[in-house]
Amino acid sequence: MLRNKFYIIYVFIILFVSNILSQIDHDTYQRMNRIAKETERKMLALPANEKKINSLILDMVEQMIADDAINSFSGKDISEKYSSKCVRVDEQGRLNVQISLFKDAGKSTLEALMEDLKRNDVEILGSYYPSTDVNWYPEIGCMVPYAEVREISKDERIANINVSPAPVLRPGTAITEGDGQLNAFTARAVHDVDGSGVMIGVISDGIQGFQNSQNSEDLPSYPQFSYLPGHDAIAGSEGRAMCEIVYDLAPGASIKFGSFDYGTHDPTQMISTIGDLEAAGCKVIVDDIGWMQDPWFEDGALAQEITNYINYDNITYISAAGNDGLSMWTGYFHSNGQGWNDYFHEGSTANIQNWITLHDGEEADIYLQWQDTWIDAENNYDLYVYDQWGQRVGQGGTTVQGSGNNEHPFESVTFSNNTGSDLNYSLQVKLVSGIEKPLKLNANPFELTYRYYSNQTHPSEQIYGHPAAYKVISVAAYPASNQNVIEDFSSRGPSVLYNGGSPLQRNTPTITATDGVQTAVPGFNPFYGTSAAAPILPALLPYTMISSERLRLRRISLRH
């Protein structure tokens, strides 16, 4: 009887706390509406050229001008004060941005614009002009002095100036266990193959300390292991850990490394790295990269170009499926009658918010995308973040779409918890103008309270970007300690894309492999995440290509 009483009290507490989290009192609700309307009026009143500029960039420019940043700070101080994960500021006060031209712009227009930008003290990091059969638009990755952003936006050749967030690596929290679990050692012995004659390309953040792995014989020496010119200088060592896994399973294969971030935070610049690896002789390429500014509801330039490499150059391309299993919500927008989404979790019309928790000192970057034309969204959604007392936090996230200003269906908010204690934050979406559309909300690496809007029965659709591209092999993860479960953070499928407007389902992930494996790289022993699972597959492909007997790999449907 006493146990039953405690159980009833426990259930009551859970229901009470859940009710508090899901409800918003009248005063807070009115304040939210007032803030949203004031923000919308401010954004709509902007000059036409400033509507081209992502609101995070515009907010930062306004703050830096008000602070007279270039004269008030110097060197690392200015970079550390203003940089965020979404907008990087260098020591000269220049912002790392991505400039898009209109889709019909010719290559000569792109080249002329770059020359004009250089005359305005803009440093060009890289540029992209789409291949003939790629339905995309020219782009420029560059560093722009903060005082010149508004002036540059007046150029009629520019469609928009957007943020260029750092790419997301996909780790989770010796000899890899995958070697034994997938019987690769048996294949080497029985079929007398070890990957010799095959070159495998690896794309990740960096290979710092690779000489230590060579000294411990966890990586081979040159020329069996090599890297694209200059790519050994990129920060990070996750690429080194991935290369070790490839070498464990296919010790005879040649390995070529290329970095995802060679000069700019621009997903289209990864295309040149893929091309360089292919030109170097790589017929198998693996990466562990996710791009938040890549479209999630259609094939972007990177996805289309990778499919071309697969179709025309006979490349086998493998990508980590992602670690968004606990941090991404997908569903249709459903208005509560005043423009707020009330469908984060079915069953409560008052539930217009989703929740994350930040420890003291943590910074969060929240991203929202919706199904709309990427180069010129017709519908305008806003993303807001409030603390547990109903006070708005973070700036930005209020870019004006749907007004013919060629903006992406993309919103983001960056904020930090510097209160000295853990805090809950609510994430809320408002439809300013347009119609109800499918949404994706991503708070990676923070766990969302709601990830499914219908009692966990709706497909998650958490695999997006180039891992969802046609013919790309996307790799999910199961733990080395238990092959019968999927890592809870591993992104779930399928992927639903709207190329041309009609929904198209791709059955992602393609395959599941082991994570929680050992490497000799500090910080990656054990190595978790789909980043650890992805390089297991290309290491096995030499066996499947050489031997008539294919290794048995576990194919698991990751759906709800």
Protein backbone atom coordinates (compact mmCIF):
# COMPACT_ATOMS: atom_id res chain seq x y z
CA MET A 1 0.00 0.00 0.00
CA LEU A 2 2.83 2.41 0.89
CA ARG A 3 4.51 1.62 -2.42
CA ASN A 4 1.27 2.42 -4.24
CA LYS A 5 1.00 5.77 -2.45
CA PHE A 6 4.55 6.67 -3.43
CA TYR A 7 3.80 5.61 -6.99
CA ILE A 8 0.71 7.85 -7.11
CA ILE A 9 2.70 10.79 -5.69
CA TYR A 10 5.47 10.15 -8.24
CA VAL A 11 3.02 10.10 -11.14
CA PHE A 12 1.36 13.28 -9.83
CA ILE A 13 4.72 15.07 -9.69
CA ILE A 14 5.59 13.99 -13.23
CA LEU A 15 2.22 15.14 -14.56
CA PHE A 16 2.48 18.42 -12.65
CA VAL A 17 5.97 19.19 -13.98
CA SER A 18 4.93 18.18 -17.52
CA ASN A 19 1.91 20.45 -17.27
CA ILE A 20 4.06 23.38 -16.11
CA LEU A 21 6.44 22.85 -19.02
CA SER A 22 3.67 22.59 -21.59
CA GLN A 23 1.53 25.52 -20.43
CA ILE A 24 2.20 29.23 -20.79
CA ASP A 25 0.52 31.67 -18.46
CA HIS A 26 -1.55 34.48 -19.92
CA ASP A 27 0.93 37.30 -19.16
CA THR A 28 3.87 35.41 -20.67
CA TYR A 29 1.82 34.53 -23.72
CA GLN A 30 0.83 38.15 -24.26
CA ARG A 31 4.46 39.25 -23.85
CA MET A 32 5.54 36.67 -26.44
CA ASN A 33 2.99 37.94 -28.93
CA ARG A 34 4.00 41.55 -28.30
CA ILE A 35 7.73 40.81 -28.80
CA ALA A 36 7.02 38.83 -31.95
CA LYS A 37 4.90 41.60 -33.48
CA GLU A 38 7.45 44.28 -32.61
CA THR A 39 10.23 42.20 -34.17
CA GLU A 40 8.18 41.56 -37.30
CA ARG A 41 7.45 45.28 -37.73
CA LYS A 42 11.14 46.10 -37.32
CA MET A 43 12.24 43.54 -39.90
CA LEU A 44 9.58 44.52 -42.46
CA ALA A 45 10.63 48.17 -42.16
CA LEU A 46 14.21 47.42 -43.23
CA PRO A 47 15.45 48.79 -46.57
CA ALA A 48 15.21 46.26 -49.41
CA ASN A 49 18.97 45.63 -49.50
CA GLU A 50 19.14 44.88 -45.75
CA LYS A 51 16.38 42.29 -46.10
CA LYS A 52 18.91 40.33 -48.15
CA ILE A 53 21.12 40.01 -45.06
CA ASN A 54 20.54 37.20 -42.59
CA SER A 55 19.33 38.69 -39.32
CA LEU A 56 22.19 37.16 -37.29
CA ILE A 57 24.67 38.97 -39.53
CA LEU A 58 22.68 42.19 -39.42
CA ASP A 59 22.42 42.09 -35.61
CA MET A 60 26.17 41.54 -35.33
CA VAL A 61 26.94 44.37 -37.77
CA GLU A 62 24.74 46.76 -35.78
CA GLN A 63 26.41 45.77 -32.52
CA MET A 64 29.95 46.09 -33.91
CA ILE A 65 29.20 49.51 -35.42
CA ALA A 66 27.69 50.71 -32.13
CA ASP A 67 30.79 49.46 -30.27
CA ASP A 68 33.19 50.91 -32.86
CA ALA A 69 34.65 47.42 -32.67
CA ILE A 70 37.68 47.84 -34.92
CA ASN A 71 38.97 50.75 -32.80
CA SER A 72 37.80 49.45 -29.43
CA PHE A 73 39.28 45.95 -29.66
CA SER A 74 42.30 44.40 -31.27
CA GLY A 75 43.50 41.03 -32.46
CA LYS A 76 42.00 38.04 -30.70
CA ASP A 77 39.82 40.27 -28.52
CA ILE A 78 37.55 41.30 -31.37
CA SER A 79 37.31 37.74 -32.64
CA GLU A 80 36.51 36.26 -29.23
CA LYS A 81 33.96 38.95 -28.35
CA TYR A 82 31.81 38.70 -31.46
CA SER A 83 32.32 35.23 -32.96
CA SER A 84 29.68 32.55 -32.59
CA LYS A 85 29.24 29.12 -34.16
CA CYS A 86 26.99 30.71 -36.78
CA VAL A 87 29.06 33.80 -37.59
CA ARG A 88 32.84 33.70 -37.36
CA VAL A 89 34.66 37.03 -36.93
CA ASP A 90 38.40 37.20 -37.56
CA GLU A 91 41.00 39.39 -35.87
CA GLN A 92 40.48 42.16 -38.45
CA GLY A 93 36.77 42.40 -37.67
CA ARG A 94 35.68 40.61 -40.85
CA LEU A 95 32.65 38.33 -40.93
CA ASN A 96 32.70 34.89 -42.56
CA VAL A 97 29.61 34.96 -44.83
CA GLN A 98 28.19 33.14 -47.80
CA ILE A 99 27.05 35.31 -50.72
CA SER A 100 24.56 33.81 -53.18
CA LEU A 101 23.98 35.10 -56.70
CA PHE A 102 20.81 34.56 -58.71
CA LYS A 103 20.41 31.17 -60.36
CA ASP A 104 20.69 32.55 -63.91
CA ALA A 105 23.95 34.42 -63.21
CA GLY A 106 26.70 33.51 -65.65
CA LYS A 107 30.21 32.53 -64.68
CA SER A 108 31.52 35.89 -65.91
CA THR A 109 29.09 37.62 -63.52
CA LEU A 110 30.46 35.56 -60.63
CA GLU A 111 34.05 36.42 -61.55
CA ALA A 112 33.27 40.13 -61.97
CA LEU A 113 31.51 40.27 -58.60
CA MET A 114 34.50 38.67 -56.89
CA GLU A 115 36.82 41.28 -58.38
CA ASP A 116 34.53 44.08 -57.18
CA LEU A 117 34.34 42.55 -53.70
CA LYS A 118 38.12 42.44 -53.48
CA ARG A 119 38.21 46.19 -54.12
CA ASN A 120 36.03 46.59 -51.00
CA ASP A 121 38.66 44.79 -48.86
CA VAL A 122 36.74 41.49 -49.03
CA GLU A 123 38.85 38.35 -48.85
CA ILE A 124 37.57 35.60 -51.15
CA LEU A 125 37.83 32.19 -49.46
CA GLY A 126 36.31 30.21 -52.27
CA SER A 127 33.65 30.23 -54.94
CA TYR A 128 31.29 27.76 -56.55
CA TYR A 129 29.73 27.67 -59.98
CA PRO A 130 27.30 24.77 -60.56
CA SER A 131 27.97 22.04 -63.08
CA THR A 132 25.81 22.01 -66.18
CA ASP A 133 23.26 19.51 -64.84
CA VAL A 134 23.20 20.80 -61.25
CA ASN A 135 20.15 22.90 -60.40
CA TRP A 136 21.76 25.44 -58.12
CA TYR A 137 23.19 28.96 -58.05
CA PRO A 138 26.68 30.51 -57.85
CA GLU A 139 28.07 31.20 -54.38
CA ILE A 140 31.03 32.98 -52.83
CA GLY A 141 32.54 32.23 -49.42
CA CYS A 142 34.29 35.32 -48.11
CA MET A 143 35.42 37.49 -45.20
CA VAL A 144 33.66 40.87 -45.26
CA PRO A 145 34.62 43.89 -43.07
CA TYR A 146 31.63 44.48 -40.79
CA ALA A 147 31.33 48.12 -41.85
CA GLU A 148 31.00 47.10 -45.52
CA VAL A 149 28.24 44.47 -45.22
CA ARG A 150 25.31 46.84 -45.71
CA GLU A 151 26.98 48.62 -48.65
CA ILE A 152 27.83 45.35 -50.38
CA SER A 153 24.22 44.16 -50.02
CA LYS A 154 23.13 46.97 -52.38
CA ASP A 155 24.78 45.16 -55.30
CA GLU A 156 21.96 43.93 -57.55
CA ARG A 157 23.94 40.83 -58.55
CA ILE A 158 23.67 39.54 -54.96
CA ALA A 159 20.59 37.51 -54.05
CA ASN A 160 21.38 37.19 -50.33
CA ILE A 161 24.13 37.31 -47.72
CA ASN A 162 23.85 34.43 -45.32
CA VAL A 163 25.55 32.90 -42.31
CA SER A 164 28.17 30.23 -42.83
CA PRO A 165 28.11 28.06 -39.68
CA ALA A 166 30.98 25.73 -38.96
CA PRO A 167 30.26 22.20 -40.20
CA VAL A 168 29.13 19.63 -37.66
CA LEU A 169 31.30 16.60 -37.01
CA ARG A 170 29.48 13.44 -36.04
CA PRO A 171 31.27 11.79 -33.12
CA GLY A 172 29.22 10.70 -30.10
CA THR A 173 30.26 11.31 -26.69
CA ALA A 174 44.28 -0.24 -30.73
CA ILE A 175 42.16 -2.19 -33.03
CA THR A 176 38.61 -1.37 -33.85
CA GLU A 177 35.94 -3.75 -32.52
CA GLY A 178 34.33 -3.54 -35.96
CA ASP A 179 37.12 -5.71 -37.34
CA GLY A 180 35.98 -8.68 -35.27
CA GLN A 181 32.24 -8.04 -35.28
CA LEU A 182 32.06 -7.87 -39.06
CA ASN A 183 34.51 -10.78 -39.57
CA ALA A 184 36.87 -8.67 -41.68
CA PHE A 185 39.84 -10.58 -40.26
CA THR A 186 38.28 -13.83 -41.55
CA ALA A 187 37.77 -12.32 -45.00
CA ARG A 188 41.43 -11.33 -45.13
CA ALA A 189 42.53 -14.85 -44.27
CA VAL A 190 40.04 -16.86 -46.34
CA HIS A 191 40.09 -14.75 -49.49
CA ASP A 192 43.69 -13.55 -49.21
CA VAL A 193 42.72 -9.90 -49.70
CA ASP A 194 43.55 -6.87 -47.64
CA GLY A 195 42.40 -3.94 -49.78
CA SER A 196 45.56 -3.71 -51.85
CA GLY A 197 45.03 -1.84 -55.09
CA VAL A 198 42.16 0.28 -53.72
CA MET A 199 42.51 3.94 -52.66
CA ILE A 200 40.07 5.21 -50.03
CA GLY A 201 39.48 8.93 -49.47
CA VAL A 202 38.59 10.24 -46.01
CA ILE A 203 37.06 13.70 -45.41
CA SER A 204 36.86 15.09 -41.87
CA ASP A 205 38.23 17.93 -39.75
CA GLY A 206 41.95 17.18 -39.51
CA ILE A 207 44.73 14.65 -38.94
CA GLN A 208 46.75 16.42 -36.26
CA GLY A 209 49.32 14.09 -34.70
CA PHE A 210 49.14 11.56 -37.55
CA GLN A 211 52.90 11.00 -37.15
CA ASN A 212 52.19 9.50 -33.70
CA SER A 213 49.77 7.04 -35.29
CA GLN A 214 52.42 6.12 -37.84
CA ASN A 215 54.99 5.63 -35.07
CA SER A 216 52.62 3.28 -33.25
CA GLU A 217 51.84 1.53 -36.57
CA ASP A 218 48.16 2.52 -36.36
CA LEU A 219 48.62 4.30 -39.70
CA PRO A 220 50.94 3.35 -42.57
CA SER A 221 53.73 5.56 -43.85
CA TYR A 222 53.85 7.53 -47.10
CA PRO A 223 52.78 6.83 -49.84
CA GLN A 224 50.21 4.35 -48.50
CA PHE A 225 48.88 7.12 -46.26
CA SER A 226 48.91 10.65 -47.66
CA TYR A 227 46.88 13.85 -47.73
CA LEU A 228 45.91 16.55 -50.19
CA PRO A 229 48.44 19.42 -50.28
CA GLY A 230 48.06 21.65 -47.23
CA HIS A 231 45.32 19.57 -45.64
CA ASP A 232 47.62 18.38 -42.85
CA ALA A 233 47.46 21.89 -41.37
CA ILE A 234 43.72 21.84 -40.62
CA ALA A 235 42.81 21.76 -36.93
CA GLY A 236 41.34 18.62 -35.36
CA SER A 237 42.18 14.93 -35.22
CA GLU A 238 38.88 13.18 -35.90
CA GLY A 239 40.02 12.53 -39.46
CA ARG A 240 43.07 10.77 -38.06
CA ALA A 241 40.82 8.47 -35.99
CA MET A 242 38.70 7.68 -39.06
CA CYS A 243 41.82 6.85 -41.09
CA GLU A 244 42.98 4.47 -38.34
CA ILE A 245 39.68 2.57 -38.55
CA VAL A 246 40.02 2.24 -42.32
CA TYR A 247 43.58 0.94 -41.91
CA ASP A 248 42.55 -1.59 -39.23
CA LEU A 249 40.04 -3.26 -41.51
CA ALA A 250 41.82 -2.87 -44.86
CA PRO A 251 45.56 -2.75 -44.04
CA GLY A 252 46.54 -3.02 -47.71
CA ALA A 253 44.42 -0.14 -48.98
CA SER A 254 45.88 3.26 -49.74
CA ILE A 255 44.37 6.13 -47.72
CA LYS A 256 44.12 9.74 -48.89
CA PHE A 257 42.89 12.46 -46.51
CA GLY A 258 41.15 15.72 -47.36
CA SER A 259 39.67 18.29 -45.01
CA PHE A 260 36.08 19.56 -45.17
CA ASP A 261 37.08 23.07 -44.07
CA TYR A 262 39.92 24.07 -46.31
CA GLY A 263 39.51 27.84 -46.16
CA THR A 264 35.80 28.39 -45.58
CA HIS A 265 32.64 27.21 -43.81
CA ASP A 266 30.91 26.63 -47.13
CA PRO A 267 29.41 23.22 -47.99
CA THR A 268 29.93 23.82 -51.70
CA GLN A 269 33.69 24.08 -51.09
CA MET A 270 33.64 20.46 -49.95
CA ILE A 271 32.90 19.65 -53.61
CA SER A 272 36.43 20.67 -54.62
CA THR A 273 37.90 18.37 -51.96
CA ILE A 274 35.86 15.46 -53.33
CA GLY A 275 37.06 16.31 -56.83
CA ASP A 276 40.69 16.42 -55.67
CA LEU A 277 40.35 13.02 -53.98
CA GLU A 278 38.77 11.53 -57.12
CA ALA A 279 41.54 12.99 -59.28
CA ALA A 280 44.11 11.44 -56.91
CA GLY A 281 42.63 8.01 -57.63
CA CYS A 282 40.12 7.49 -54.82
CA LYS A 283 37.24 5.27 -55.89
CA VAL A 284 35.79 5.04 -52.38
CA ILE A 285 35.22 8.22 -50.32
CA VAL A 286 33.83 8.55 -46.78
CA ASP A 287 32.99 11.64 -44.72
CA ASP A 288 31.47 12.44 -41.32
CA ILE A 289 30.26 15.99 -42.00
CA GLY A 290 26.89 17.70 -41.54
CA TRP A 291 26.04 21.18 -42.79
CA MET A 292 23.35 23.16 -41.02
CA GLN A 293 23.12 25.69 -43.85
CA ASP A 294 22.59 22.97 -46.46
CA PRO A 295 18.92 22.44 -47.46
CA TRP A 296 17.18 19.70 -45.49
CA PHE A 297 14.13 19.28 -47.74
CA GLU A 298 15.82 19.10 -51.14
CA ASP A 299 19.10 18.10 -52.76
CA GLY A 300 21.52 21.00 -52.51
CA ALA A 301 24.59 21.61 -54.63
CA LEU A 302 26.76 19.27 -52.55
CA ALA A 303 24.24 16.42 -52.76
CA GLN A 304 23.77 16.84 -56.50
CA GLU A 305 27.49 17.03 -57.22
CA ILE A 306 28.18 13.88 -55.15
CA THR A 307 25.51 11.99 -57.10
CA ASN A 308 27.23 13.12 -60.31
CA TYR A 309 30.55 11.73 -59.07
CA ILE A 310 28.80 8.44 -58.31
CA ASN A 311 27.06 8.29 -61.70
CA TYR A 312 29.81 9.57 -63.98
CA ASP A 313 33.07 8.73 -62.19
CA ASN A 314 32.09 5.39 -60.62
CA ILE A 315 32.75 6.66 -57.10
CA THR A 316 31.34 4.83 -54.08
CA TYR A 317 30.38 7.51 -51.56
CA ILE A 318 29.70 6.84 -47.86
CA SER A 319 28.60 9.40 -45.27
CA ALA A 320 27.81 9.30 -41.55
CA ALA A 321 24.02 9.40 -41.14
CA GLY A 322 24.24 11.91 -38.28
CA ASN A 323 23.77 12.09 -34.52
CA ASP A 324 20.46 13.97 -34.40
CA GLY A 325 18.37 11.16 -32.92
CA LEU A 326 17.75 13.01 -29.65
CA SER A 327 18.00 16.59 -30.87
CA MET A 328 15.82 16.92 -33.97
CA TRP A 329 12.06 17.36 -34.36
CA THR A 330 10.24 16.90 -37.65
CA GLY A 331 6.55 17.50 -38.29
CA TYR A 332 3.93 19.69 -39.90
CA PHE A 333 3.35 23.18 -38.57
CA HIS A 334 -0.05 23.49 -36.91
CA SER A 335 -1.23 26.92 -35.77
CA ASN A 336 -2.81 27.52 -32.37
CA GLY A 337 -4.91 30.26 -33.97
CA GLN A 338 -2.41 33.06 -33.36
CA GLY A 339 0.40 31.81 -35.55
CA TRP A 340 2.35 29.69 -33.03
CA ASN A 341 3.07 26.03 -33.65
CA ASP A 342 1.12 23.97 -31.11
CA TYR A 343 1.94 20.54 -32.54
CA PHE A 344 5.32 19.72 -31.03
CA HIS A 345 3.52 16.93 -29.24
CA GLU A 346 0.03 15.76 -30.10
CA GLY A 347 -2.60 15.99 -27.38
CA SER A 348 -2.23 19.52 -26.00
CA THR A 349 -3.36 22.60 -27.88
CA ALA A 350 -1.48 24.75 -25.34
CA ASN A 351 1.85 23.09 -26.09
CA ILE A 352 3.51 25.66 -28.33
CA GLN A 353 7.06 25.03 -27.19
CA ASN A 354 9.81 22.44 -27.16
CA TRP A 355 12.48 22.32 -24.45
CA ILE A 356 16.23 21.92 -24.03
CA THR A 357 18.45 22.28 -20.94
CA LEU A 358 21.78 24.11 -20.93
CA HIS A 359 24.41 23.79 -18.22
CA ASP A 360 26.11 26.96 -17.07
CA GLY A 361 28.60 28.22 -19.66
CA GLU A 362 27.11 26.27 -22.57
CA GLU A 363 26.24 27.89 -25.90
CA ALA A 364 23.43 26.65 -28.14
CA ASP A 365 22.77 27.13 -31.83
CA ILE A 366 19.19 26.31 -32.79
CA TYR A 367 18.24 25.82 -36.43
CA LEU A 368 14.89 25.77 -38.18
CA GLN A 369 14.12 24.88 -41.78
CA TRP A 370 10.83 24.34 -43.59
CA GLN A 371 9.81 22.85 -46.90
CA ASP A 372 10.03 25.73 -49.34
CA THR A 373 12.00 26.82 -52.38
CA TRP A 374 15.55 27.21 -51.08
CA ILE A 375 16.65 30.22 -53.09
CA ASP A 376 13.43 32.21 -52.57
CA ALA A 377 11.20 31.01 -49.72
CA GLU A 378 7.55 31.97 -50.19
CA ASN A 379 6.61 31.47 -46.53
CA ASN A 380 7.96 33.33 -43.52
CA TYR A 381 8.55 31.49 -40.24
CA ASP A 382 10.31 32.88 -37.18
CA LEU A 383 12.21 31.00 -34.49
CA TYR A 384 12.18 32.26 -30.88
CA VAL A 385 13.88 31.07 -27.70
CA TYR A 386 12.67 31.93 -24.17
CA ASP A 387 14.13 31.05 -20.80
CA GLN A 388 12.09 29.26 -18.17
CA TRP A 389 10.79 32.61 -16.85
CA GLY A 390 9.41 33.63 -20.23
CA GLN A 391 12.17 36.11 -21.14
CA ARG A 392 13.39 36.04 -24.74
CA VAL A 393 17.05 35.09 -25.21
CA GLY A 394 19.26 35.26 -28.27
CA GLN A 395 19.08 37.61 -31.21
CA GLY A 396 18.48 36.87 -34.84
CA GLY A 397 16.20 34.16 -36.08
CA THR A 398 13.89 36.78 -37.62
CA THR A 399 15.02 37.02 -41.24
CA VAL A 400 12.16 38.12 -43.52
CA GLN A 401 11.21 35.47 -46.07
CA GLY A 402 8.33 35.45 -48.52
CA SER A 403 8.71 39.04 -49.69
CA GLY A 404 10.62 38.42 -52.90
CA ASN A 405 14.00 38.99 -51.24
CA ASN A 406 15.50 35.61 -52.22
CA GLU A 407 15.98 34.41 -48.65
CA HIS A 408 16.40 30.76 -47.66
CA PRO A 409 13.77 28.89 -45.61
CA PHE A 410 16.26 28.96 -42.74
CA GLU A 411 16.23 30.54 -39.28
CA SER A 412 18.75 30.24 -36.47
CA VAL A 413 19.23 31.58 -32.95
CA THR A 414 22.45 31.57 -30.93
CA PHE A 415 22.51 32.09 -27.16
CA SER A 416 24.49 31.19 -24.05
CA ASN A 417 23.67 30.28 -20.47
CA ASN A 418 25.87 32.41 -18.22
CA THR A 419 23.59 32.40 -15.17
CA GLY A 420 25.68 30.17 -12.93
CA SER A 421 23.18 27.28 -12.95
CA ASP A 422 21.37 24.92 -15.30
CA LEU A 423 18.38 26.44 -17.10
CA ASN A 424 15.53 25.19 -19.27
CA TYR A 425 14.82 27.01 -22.52
CA SER A 426 11.72 26.79 -24.69
CA LEU A 427 11.96 26.81 -28.48
CA GLN A 428 8.98 28.22 -30.33
CA VAL A 429 8.05 28.64 -33.98
CA LYS A 430 5.74 31.30 -35.38
CA LEU A 431 4.25 31.50 -38.87
CA VAL A 432 4.39 35.19 -39.82
CA SER A 433 3.00 34.82 -43.33
CA GLY A 434 2.23 32.02 -45.74
CA ILE A 435 0.87 28.51 -45.31
CA GLU A 436 1.53 25.58 -42.99
CA LYS A 437 4.50 23.51 -44.11
CA PRO A 438 6.64 20.59 -42.87
CA LEU A 439 9.30 21.78 -40.40
CA LYS A 440 12.59 20.53 -39.03
CA LEU A 441 13.94 21.89 -35.73
CA ASN A 442 17.50 20.98 -34.73
CA ALA A 443 19.14 21.69 -31.35
CA ASN A 444 22.14 19.38 -31.70
CA PRO A 445 23.84 18.43 -29.40
CA PHE A 446 21.12 19.27 -26.86
CA GLU A 447 18.30 16.80 -26.26
CA LEU A 448 14.81 18.01 -27.15
CA THR A 449 11.86 17.16 -24.90
CA TYR A 450 9.74 16.34 -27.97
CA ARG A 451 11.14 14.68 -31.08
CA TYR A 452 7.92 13.25 -32.48
CA TYR A 453 4.56 14.94 -32.68
CA SER A 454 2.40 11.82 -32.53
CA ASN A 455 3.37 9.60 -29.61
CA GLN A 456 6.59 8.56 -31.37
CA THR A 457 4.76 6.97 -34.31
CA HIS A 458 5.65 9.57 -36.94
CA PRO A 459 8.78 8.83 -39.05
CA SER A 460 11.66 10.89 -37.73
CA GLU A 461 13.14 12.00 -41.08
CA GLN A 462 16.34 13.09 -39.32
CA ILE A 463 18.80 12.28 -42.13
CA TYR A 464 19.26 15.31 -44.38
CA GLY A 465 21.74 17.00 -46.67
CA HIS A 466 24.24 14.98 -48.67
CA PRO A 467 23.90 11.77 -46.54
CA ALA A 468 20.35 11.63 -47.97
CA ALA A 469 21.53 12.16 -51.57
CA TYR A 470 20.66 9.67 -54.28
CA LYS A 471 23.02 6.64 -54.25
CA VAL A 472 24.99 7.87 -51.21
CA ILE A 473 25.44 5.15 -48.57
CA SER A 474 24.41 6.63 -45.21
CA VAL A 475 25.71 4.82 -42.13
CA ALA A 476 23.96 4.65 -38.75
CA ALA A 477 25.57 3.34 -35.55
CA TYR A 478 25.07 0.52 -33.06
CA PRO A 479 27.30 0.17 -29.98
CA ALA A 480 30.17 -2.32 -29.99
CA SER A 481 28.92 -3.49 -26.59
CA ASN A 482 25.46 -4.47 -27.88
CA GLN A 483 24.80 -5.24 -31.53
CA ASN A 484 21.06 -5.63 -30.96
CA VAL A 485 20.26 -1.96 -30.29
CA ILE A 486 20.70 1.29 -32.17
CA GLU A 487 22.50 4.19 -30.53
CA ASP A 488 19.79 6.54 -29.26
CA PHE A 489 21.63 9.52 -30.78
CA SER A 490 21.91 7.90 -34.22
CA SER A 491 19.73 9.75 -36.74
CA ARG A 492 16.60 7.94 -37.86
CA GLY A 493 15.12 7.71 -41.34
CA PRO A 494 13.63 7.80 -43.83
CA SER A 495 14.51 11.00 -45.72
CA VAL A 496 11.67 12.86 -47.42
CA LEU A 497 12.72 15.38 -50.09
CA TYR A 498 10.66 17.75 -52.20
CA ASN A 499 12.78 18.19 -55.32
CA GLY A 500 10.38 19.77 -57.77
CA GLY A 501 7.61 20.05 -55.18
CA SER A 502 6.35 16.46 -54.82
CA PRO A 503 7.50 14.43 -51.80
CA LEU A 504 10.05 11.70 -52.52
CA GLN A 505 11.06 9.17 -49.87
CA ARG A 506 14.54 7.71 -49.72
CA ASN A 507 15.09 4.79 -47.40
CA THR A 508 17.87 6.05 -45.20
CA PRO A 509 20.04 5.04 -43.44
CA THR A 510 21.43 2.54 -45.91
CA ILE A 511 23.30 0.42 -43.40
CA THR A 512 24.34 0.22 -39.73
CA ALA A 513 27.85 -0.38 -38.37
CA THR A 514 29.75 -0.38 -35.09
CA ASP A 515 30.69 2.61 -32.93
CA GLY A 516 32.28 2.77 -29.48
CA VAL A 517 35.52 1.47 -31.01
CA GLN A 518 39.16 1.88 -30.05
CA THR A 519 41.71 4.13 -31.74
CA ALA A 520 45.12 5.44 -30.72
CA VAL A 521 43.94 9.07 -31.01
CA PRO A 522 43.56 11.00 -27.72
CA GLY A 523 39.94 11.91 -27.18
CA PHE A 524 38.74 9.18 -29.56
CA ASN A 525 39.32 6.08 -27.49
CA PRO A 526 36.68 4.83 -27.49
CA PHE A 527 35.33 6.57 -30.59
CA TYR A 528 31.54 6.97 -30.61
CA GLY A 529 29.01 8.27 -33.11
CA THR A 530 28.16 7.70 -36.73
CA SER A 531 31.61 9.21 -37.45
CA ALA A 532 33.10 6.01 -36.02
CA ALA A 533 30.65 3.73 -37.84
CA ALA A 534 31.02 5.32 -41.30
CA PRO A 535 34.72 4.44 -41.99
CA ILE A 536 34.08 0.78 -41.23
CA LEU A 537 32.09 0.40 -44.44
CA PRO A 538 34.64 1.76 -46.98
CA ALA A 539 37.26 -0.44 -45.36
CA LEU A 540 35.10 -3.47 -46.16
CA LEU A 541 34.30 -2.46 -49.73
CA PRO A 542 37.65 -3.71 -51.10
CA TYR A 543 36.62 -7.19 -49.98
CA THR A 544 33.18 -6.94 -51.54
CA MET A 545 34.69 -5.69 -54.80
CA ILE A 546 37.45 -8.32 -54.99
CA SER A 547 35.67 -11.34 -53.54
CA SER A 548 32.62 -13.02 -54.99
CA GLU A 549 31.39 -13.73 -51.46
CA ARG A 550 30.04 -10.50 -49.96
CA LEU A 551 30.48 -9.90 -46.29
CA ARG A 552 27.22 -9.98 -44.39
CA LEU A 553 26.43 -6.51 -43.04
CA ARG A 554 23.51 -5.72 -40.81
CA ARG A 555 20.84 -3.71 -42.60
CA ILE A 556 18.44 -2.20 -40.09
CA SER A 557 15.41 -0.02 -40.73
CA LEU A 558 15.55 2.96 -38.39
CA ARG A 559 11.98 4.17 -38.25
CA HIS A 560 9.36 4.88 -35.63
